[in-house]
């Protein structure tokens, strides 16, 4: 099981604006620790912690943050409408479009996805794969 995912950021305030436009709607709460951000999945009383956490941090080595070529973090939304809404919110919060929400021929008939870049170039996917919603072929 993946415990956490970390992306680098040179401007934590810009990163917080971007990620806080998306992640709370997906059930994450933010914690600040030594100037960095931790987005933690909400836990209902009496339940065990849920993984993975998502961290936004300044690089430990003091060098500039950079996006990994081929690296991407995907967050699951509850509906196709939520994918569209959060994609728009992330763009308004300083992200850039890397693929408008919609179906892709290379994926399953219900896999609805939008791609973004955060303000530091990290690639983010927002997706829904709900068979109860309209599919690509129907």
C-alpha atoms as a PDB file:
ATOM      1  CA  UNK A   1       0.000   0.000   0.000  1.00  0.00           C
ATOM      2  CA  UNK A   2       1.276   3.459  -0.816  1.00  0.00           C
ATOM      3  CA  UNK A   3       1.583   5.487   2.393  1.00  0.00           C
ATOM      4  CA  UNK A   4       2.235   8.924   0.895  1.00  0.00           C
ATOM      5  CA  UNK A   5       3.135  10.821  -2.261  1.00  0.00           C
ATOM      6  CA  UNK A   6       5.299  13.956  -2.263  1.00  0.00           C
ATOM      7  CA  UNK A   7       5.679  16.694  -4.872  1.00  0.00           C
ATOM      8  CA  UNK A   8       8.161  19.523  -4.675  1.00  0.00           C
ATOM      9  CA  UNK A   9       7.270  23.197  -4.645  1.00  0.00           C
ATOM     10  CA  UNK A  10       9.353  26.373  -4.596  1.00  0.00           C
ATOM     11  CA  UNK A  11       6.376  28.576  -3.714  1.00  0.00           C
ATOM     12  CA  UNK A  12       4.302  26.892  -1.017  1.00  0.00           C
ATOM     13  CA  UNK A  13       1.652  29.639  -1.047  1.00  0.00           C
ATOM     14  CA  UNK A  14       0.987  29.119  -4.788  1.00  0.00           C
ATOM     15  CA  UNK A  15       0.933  25.358  -4.284  1.00  0.00           C
ATOM     16  CA  UNK A  16      -1.506  25.682  -1.384  1.00  0.00           C
ATOM     17  CA  UNK A  17      -3.845  27.854  -3.461  1.00  0.00           C
ATOM     18  CA  UNK A  18      -3.846  25.198  -6.217  1.00  0.00           C
ATOM     19  CA  UNK A  19      -4.181  22.058  -4.086  1.00  0.00           C
ATOM     20  CA  UNK A  20      -6.668  23.612  -1.646  1.00  0.00           C
ATOM     21  CA  UNK A  21      -8.951  24.339  -4.616  1.00  0.00           C
ATOM     22  CA  UNK A  22      -9.170  20.575  -5.260  1.00  0.00           C
ATOM     23  CA  UNK A  23      -8.237  18.277  -2.402  1.00  0.00           C
ATOM     24  CA  UNK A  24     -10.696  19.340   0.339  1.00  0.00           C
ATOM     25  CA  UNK A  25     -13.559  18.476  -2.055  1.00  0.00           C
ATOM     26  CA  UNK A  26     -12.062  14.981  -2.316  1.00  0.00           C
ATOM     27  CA  UNK A  27     -11.994  14.508   1.451  1.00  0.00           C
ATOM     28  CA  UNK A  28      -8.498  15.757   2.338  1.00  0.00           C
ATOM     29  CA  UNK A  29      -7.702  18.171   5.148  1.00  0.00           C
ATOM     30  CA  UNK A  30      -4.548  20.276   5.132  1.00  0.00           C
ATOM     31  CA  UNK A  31      -1.935  20.425   7.871  1.00  0.00           C
ATOM     32  CA  UNK A  32       1.062  22.760   7.847  1.00  0.00           C
ATOM     33  CA  UNK A  33       4.352  21.525   9.256  1.00  0.00           C
ATOM     34  CA  UNK A  34       7.611  23.500   9.139  1.00  0.00           C
ATOM     35  CA  UNK A  35       6.272  25.546   6.225  1.00  0.00           C
ATOM     36  CA  UNK A  36       5.280  22.506   4.134  1.00  0.00           C
ATOM     37  CA  UNK A  37       1.808  21.097   3.434  1.00  0.00           C
ATOM     38  CA  UNK A  38       0.332  17.716   4.278  1.00  0.00           C
ATOM     39  CA  UNK A  39      -3.024  16.788   2.768  1.00  0.00           C
ATOM     40  CA  UNK A  40      -4.455  13.966   4.858  1.00  0.00           C
ATOM     41  CA  UNK A  41      -7.526  11.888   3.928  1.00  0.00           C
ATOM     42  CA  UNK A  42     -10.313  12.465   6.412  1.00  0.00           C
ATOM     43  CA  UNK A  43     -10.975   9.629   8.863  1.00  0.00           C
ATOM     44  CA  UNK A  44     -14.395   8.986  10.316  1.00  0.00           C
ATOM     45  CA  UNK A  45     -14.555   8.415  14.089  1.00  0.00           C
ATOM     46  CA  UNK A  46     -13.818   4.794  14.904  1.00  0.00           C
ATOM     47  CA  UNK A  47     -12.157   4.084  11.528  1.00  0.00           C
ATOM     48  CA  UNK A  48      -8.506   3.439  10.742  1.00  0.00           C
ATOM     49  CA  UNK A  49      -6.374   5.996   8.915  1.00  0.00           C
ATOM     50  CA  UNK A  50      -6.729   6.028   5.126  1.00  0.00           C
ATOM     51  CA  UNK A  51      -3.748   6.222   2.753  1.00  0.00           C
ATOM     52  CA  UNK A  52      -2.098   7.791   0.934  1.00  0.00           C
ATOM     53  CA  UNK A  53      -1.298  11.192   2.346  1.00  0.00           C
ATOM     54  CA  UNK A  54      -0.217  13.829  -0.170  1.00  0.00           C
ATOM     55  CA  UNK A  55       2.684  16.119   0.746  1.00  0.00           C
ATOM     56  CA  UNK A  56       3.792  19.369  -0.880  1.00  0.00           C
ATOM     57  CA  UNK A  57       7.307  20.257   0.272  1.00  0.00           C
ATOM     58  CA  UNK A  58      10.323  22.345  -0.493  1.00  0.00           C
ATOM     59  CA  UNK A  59      13.109  20.002  -1.669  1.00  0.00           C
ATOM     60  CA  UNK A  60      15.286  18.771   1.222  1.00  0.00           C
ATOM     61  CA  UNK A  61      18.495  19.465  -0.689  1.00  0.00           C
ATOM     62  CA  UNK A  62      17.658  23.160  -1.052  1.00  0.00           C
ATOM     63  CA  UNK A  63      17.669  22.937  -4.848  1.00  0.00           C
ATOM     64  CA  UNK A  64      14.790  24.042  -7.054  1.00  0.00           C
ATOM     65  CA  UNK A  65      11.680  21.889  -7.250  1.00  0.00           C
ATOM     66  CA  UNK A  66      11.174  20.165 -10.592  1.00  0.00           C
ATOM     67  CA  UNK A  67       8.444  17.980 -12.062  1.00  0.00           C
ATOM     68  CA  UNK A  68       9.334  14.386 -12.892  1.00  0.00           C
ATOM     69  CA  UNK A  69       9.090  13.458 -16.570  1.00  0.00           C
ATOM     70  CA  UNK A  70       6.479  10.715 -16.735  1.00  0.00           C
ATOM     71  CA  UNK A  71       5.457  11.139 -13.090  1.00  0.00           C
ATOM     72  CA  UNK A  72       1.811  11.855 -12.305  1.00  0.00           C
ATOM     73  CA  UNK A  73      -0.489  11.736  -9.300  1.00  0.00           C
ATOM     74  CA  UNK A  74      -4.136  10.813  -9.881  1.00  0.00           C
ATOM     75  CA  UNK A  75      -7.003  11.706  -7.549  1.00  0.00           C
ATOM     76  CA  UNK A  76     -10.351   9.918  -7.806  1.00  0.00           C
ATOM     77  CA  UNK A  77     -13.448  12.101  -7.929  1.00  0.00           C
ATOM     78  CA  UNK A  78     -16.993  10.961  -7.137  1.00  0.00           C
ATOM     79  CA  UNK A  79     -18.484  11.930 -10.499  1.00  0.00           C
ATOM     80  CA  UNK A  80     -17.750  13.228 -13.965  1.00  0.00           C
ATOM     81  CA  UNK A  81     -19.271  16.546 -12.914  1.00  0.00           C
ATOM     82  CA  UNK A  82     -16.859  16.747  -9.982  1.00  0.00           C
ATOM     83  CA  UNK A  83     -13.944  16.098 -12.356  1.00  0.00           C
ATOM     84  CA  UNK A  84     -15.090  19.051 -14.493  1.00  0.00           C
ATOM     85  CA  UNK A  85     -15.708  21.310 -11.485  1.00  0.00           C
ATOM     86  CA  UNK A  86     -12.373  20.547  -9.818  1.00  0.00           C
ATOM     87  CA  UNK A  87     -10.460  20.863 -13.098  1.00  0.00           C
ATOM     88  CA  UNK A  88     -11.955  24.359 -13.522  1.00  0.00           C
ATOM     89  CA  UNK A  89     -11.228  25.238  -9.873  1.00  0.00           C
ATOM     90  CA  UNK A  90      -7.613  24.110 -10.234  1.00  0.00           C
ATOM     91  CA  UNK A  91      -7.171  26.240 -13.372  1.00  0.00           C
ATOM     92  CA  UNK A  92      -8.625  29.249 -11.542  1.00  0.00           C
ATOM     93  CA  UNK A  93      -6.216  28.555  -8.656  1.00  0.00           C
ATOM     94  CA  UNK A  94      -3.091  28.817 -10.822  1.00  0.00           C
ATOM     95  CA  UNK A  95      -2.861  25.443 -12.553  1.00  0.00           C
ATOM     96  CA  UNK A  96      -2.537  24.892 -16.283  1.00  0.00           C
ATOM     97  CA  UNK A  97      -4.528  22.572 -18.515  1.00  0.00           C
ATOM     98  CA  UNK A  98      -2.790  19.409 -19.685  1.00  0.00           C
ATOM     99  CA  UNK A  99      -5.897  17.685 -21.083  1.00  0.00           C
ATOM    100  CA  UNK A 100      -9.513  18.790 -20.775  1.00  0.00           C
ATOM    101  CA  UNK A 101     -11.903  16.481 -18.893  1.00  0.00           C
ATOM    102  CA  UNK A 102     -13.384  13.763 -21.059  1.00  0.00           C
ATOM    103  CA  UNK A 103     -13.102  10.185 -22.206  1.00  0.00           C
ATOM    104  CA  UNK A 104      -9.934   8.820 -23.819  1.00  0.00           C
ATOM    105  CA  UNK A 105      -9.984   6.055 -26.422  1.00  0.00           C
ATOM    106  CA  UNK A 106      -7.035   4.333 -24.723  1.00  0.00           C
ATOM    107  CA  UNK A 107      -8.936   3.794 -21.449  1.00  0.00           C
ATOM    108  CA  UNK A 108     -12.088   1.953 -20.397  1.00  0.00           C
ATOM    109  CA  UNK A 109     -15.516   3.168 -21.516  1.00  0.00           C
ATOM    110  CA  UNK A 110     -16.327   4.820 -18.147  1.00  0.00           C
ATOM    111  CA  UNK A 111     -12.881   6.270 -17.370  1.00  0.00           C
ATOM    112  CA  UNK A 112     -13.457  10.042 -17.406  1.00  0.00           C
ATOM    113  CA  UNK A 113     -10.326  12.103 -16.765  1.00  0.00           C
ATOM    114  CA  UNK A 114      -8.893  15.613 -16.856  1.00  0.00           C
ATOM    115  CA  UNK A 115      -5.195  16.465 -16.621  1.00  0.00           C
ATOM    116  CA  UNK A 116      -3.513  19.495 -15.078  1.00  0.00           C
ATOM    117  CA  UNK A 117      -0.123  20.854 -14.156  1.00  0.00           C
ATOM    118  CA  UNK A 118       0.236  22.454 -10.747  1.00  0.00           C
ATOM    119  CA  UNK A 119       2.053  25.812 -10.541  1.00  0.00           C
ATOM    120  CA  UNK A 120       5.394  23.965 -10.335  1.00  0.00           C
ATOM    121  CA  UNK A 121       4.792  21.673 -13.322  1.00  0.00           C
ATOM    122  CA  UNK A 122       3.756  18.502 -11.478  1.00  0.00           C
ATOM    123  CA  UNK A 123       1.200  16.516 -13.499  1.00  0.00           C
ATOM    124  CA  UNK A 124      -2.120  15.849 -11.769  1.00  0.00           C
ATOM    125  CA  UNK A 125      -5.034  13.734 -12.991  1.00  0.00           C
ATOM    126  CA  UNK A 126      -8.605  13.975 -11.741  1.00  0.00           C
ATOM    127  CA  UNK A 127     -10.680  10.963 -12.750  1.00  0.00           C
ATOM    128  CA  UNK A 128     -13.942   9.112 -12.266  1.00  0.00           C
ATOM    129  CA  UNK A 129     -14.571   5.531 -13.379  1.00  0.00           C
ATOM    130  CA  UNK A 130     -18.189   5.130 -12.346  1.00  0.00           C
ATOM    131  CA  UNK A 131     -20.145   2.580 -14.422  1.00  0.00           C
ATOM    132  CA  UNK A 132     -23.416   4.196 -13.268  1.00  0.00           C
ATOM    133  CA  UNK A 133     -22.630   7.388 -15.207  1.00  0.00           C
ATOM    134  CA  UNK A 134     -22.810   7.809 -19.003  1.00  0.00           C
ATOM    135  CA  UNK A 135     -19.915   6.128 -20.786  1.00  0.00           C
ATOM    136  CA  UNK A 136     -17.805   7.005 -23.785  1.00  0.00           C
ATOM    137  CA  UNK A 137     -19.814   4.763 -26.103  1.00  0.00           C
ATOM    138  CA  UNK A 138     -23.270   5.766 -24.970  1.00  0.00           C
END
